[in-house]
Amino acid sequence: QVHLVESGGGLVQAGGSLRLSCAAPGRTFSSFAMGWFRQAPGKGREFVAAISRSGANTDYADSAKGRFTISRDNAKNTMTLQMNSLKPEDTAVYYCAAVPSYYSIYVPGPMEYDYWGQGTQVTVSS
């Protein structure tokens, strides 16, 4: 079992920025590929971004490209999502997810994740 803890959510005005973090204390963080997902009220969970175990490769949903940046620091067991130019439609609960990955450069598909955090609320006001 992997315990994932998100932080950094909050209320921000449209056009503003937030930085989300995901920590996995006490685990071999570098063994896992990681991702961010979100779920808006009344909608299903959707993929936002993913990063390979090494951090060398990333993937983004079209809605996140050019505005969000995913990164990780394996020495600190943390992953971050820098979100800029936020829009009201970015309002959602954001979840981090993890999956063990054999290949260091592999970026998992949205359906491959085994472990999930509890989520952090992001609200963007217009």
Protein backbone atom coordinates (compact mmCIF):
# COMPACT_ATOMS: atom_id res chain seq x y z
CA GLN A 1 0.00 0.00 0.00
CA VAL A 2 1.19 3.50 -0.88
CA HIS A 3 -0.03 6.45 1.13
CA LEU A 4 -0.28 9.58 -1.02
CA VAL A 5 -0.92 12.99 0.54
CA GLU A 6 -1.91 16.00 -1.55
CA SER A 7 -1.57 19.61 -0.44
CA GLY A 8 -1.66 23.10 -1.89
CA GLY A 9 -5.26 23.42 -2.97
CA GLY A 10 -7.30 26.52 -2.25
CA LEU A 11 -9.29 29.40 -3.66
CA VAL A 12 -7.79 31.56 -6.38
CA GLN A 13 -9.09 34.10 -8.85
CA ALA A 14 -9.16 33.38 -12.55
CA GLY A 15 -5.75 34.00 -14.06
CA GLY A 16 -3.99 33.13 -10.85
CA SER A 17 -1.68 30.27 -9.95
CA LEU A 18 -1.55 27.39 -7.52
CA ARG A 19 1.05 24.77 -6.80
CA LEU A 20 -0.12 21.34 -5.73
CA SER A 21 2.14 18.85 -4.04
CA CYS A 22 1.91 15.11 -3.53
CA ALA A 23 4.03 13.36 -0.93
CA ALA A 24 4.58 9.66 -0.45
CA PRO A 25 6.39 9.38 2.85
CA GLY A 26 8.17 6.22 3.78
CA ARG A 27 8.05 4.63 0.32
CA THR A 28 10.47 4.10 -2.53
CA PHE A 29 9.04 7.06 -4.37
CA SER A 30 11.36 6.72 -7.34
CA SER A 31 9.87 3.30 -8.12
CA PHE A 32 6.55 4.83 -9.06
CA ALA A 33 5.30 6.69 -12.08
CA MET A 34 2.93 9.41 -10.96
CA GLY A 35 -0.02 11.36 -12.22
CA TRP A 36 -2.58 14.04 -11.44
CA PHE A 37 -6.31 13.70 -12.02
CA ARG A 38 -9.26 15.90 -11.18
CA GLN A 39 -12.98 15.55 -10.63
CA ALA A 40 -15.36 18.45 -10.95
CA PRO A 41 -18.82 18.39 -9.34
CA GLY A 42 -21.16 16.13 -11.27
CA LYS A 43 -18.42 14.90 -13.59
CA GLY A 44 -16.16 11.90 -13.82
CA ARG A 45 -12.52 11.82 -12.89
CA GLU A 46 -10.30 13.09 -15.69
CA PHE A 47 -6.61 12.85 -16.42
CA VAL A 48 -4.55 16.02 -16.02
CA ALA A 49 -0.85 15.14 -16.23
CA ALA A 50 1.61 12.29 -15.73
CA ILE A 51 5.32 11.90 -15.18
CA SER A 52 7.65 8.95 -15.53
CA ARG A 53 9.54 7.40 -12.67
CA SER A 54 12.72 9.29 -13.56
CA GLY A 55 10.94 12.53 -14.37
CA ALA A 56 12.34 12.53 -17.89
CA ASN A 57 9.00 12.12 -19.64
CA THR A 58 5.67 13.80 -19.08
CA ASP A 59 2.21 13.84 -20.59
CA TYR A 60 -0.61 16.35 -20.34
CA ALA A 61 -4.28 16.55 -21.09
CA ASP A 62 -5.07 19.10 -23.79
CA SER A 63 -6.74 21.27 -21.15
CA ALA A 64 -3.49 21.43 -19.18
CA LYS A 65 -0.97 21.94 -21.97
CA GLY A 66 0.78 25.28 -21.83
CA ARG A 67 -0.65 26.14 -18.40
CA PHE A 68 0.27 23.29 -16.05
CA THR A 69 3.68 21.77 -15.33
CA ILE A 70 4.22 18.45 -13.61
CA SER A 71 7.53 17.72 -11.91
CA ARG A 72 9.00 15.51 -9.25
CA ASP A 73 11.85 15.44 -6.77
CA ASN A 74 12.70 11.83 -5.98
CA ALA A 75 15.16 12.88 -3.28
CA LYS A 76 12.30 14.56 -1.41
CA ASN A 77 9.62 11.99 -2.28
CA THR A 78 7.38 14.66 -3.74
CA MET A 79 5.60 15.49 -6.97
CA THR A 80 4.19 18.88 -7.86
CA LEU A 81 1.72 20.37 -10.27
CA GLN A 82 2.29 24.03 -11.04
CA MET A 83 -0.93 25.49 -12.37
CA ASN A 84 -0.88 28.90 -14.04
CA SER A 85 -3.52 30.95 -15.85
CA LEU A 86 -6.23 29.15 -13.93
CA LYS A 87 -9.78 29.20 -15.24
CA PRO A 88 -13.11 28.64 -13.47
CA GLU A 89 -13.42 25.35 -15.35
CA ASP A 90 -10.30 24.13 -13.54
CA THR A 91 -12.35 24.00 -10.34
CA ALA A 92 -12.26 20.41 -9.08
CA VAL A 93 -10.86 18.07 -6.50
CA TYR A 94 -7.35 17.18 -7.63
CA TYR A 95 -5.94 13.74 -6.92
CA CYS A 96 -2.44 12.38 -7.21
CA ALA A 97 -1.95 8.78 -8.26
CA ALA A 98 0.90 6.30 -8.45
CA VAL A 99 1.74 3.04 -10.16
CA PRO A 100 4.90 0.93 -9.84
CA SER A 101 6.94 1.27 -12.99
CA TYR A 102 9.71 -1.00 -14.20
CA TYR A 103 10.89 1.37 -16.91
CA SER A 104 12.23 4.71 -15.72
CA ILE A 105 11.00 6.66 -18.74
CA TYR A 106 7.55 5.10 -19.08
CA VAL A 107 4.52 7.37 -18.68
CA PRO A 108 1.42 5.39 -17.68
CA GLY A 109 -1.91 5.65 -19.37
CA PRO A 110 -4.86 7.08 -17.39
CA MET A 111 -6.26 3.64 -16.52
CA GLU A 112 -3.06 2.14 -15.12
CA TYR A 113 -2.83 3.70 -11.67
CA ASP A 114 -2.98 1.56 -8.52
CA TYR A 115 -2.80 4.08 -5.69
CA TRP A 116 -4.70 7.30 -5.05
CA GLY A 117 -4.58 10.17 -2.63
CA GLN A 118 -7.59 11.68 -0.86
CA GLY A 119 -7.65 14.79 -3.02
CA THR A 120 -7.29 18.52 -2.53
CA GLN A 121 -9.89 21.10 -3.53
CA VAL A 122 -9.04 23.75 -6.09
CA THR A 123 -11.59 26.50 -6.61
CA VAL A 124 -11.12 29.18 -9.26
CA SER A 125 -13.43 32.17 -9.03
CA SER A 126 -14.38 34.25 -12.03
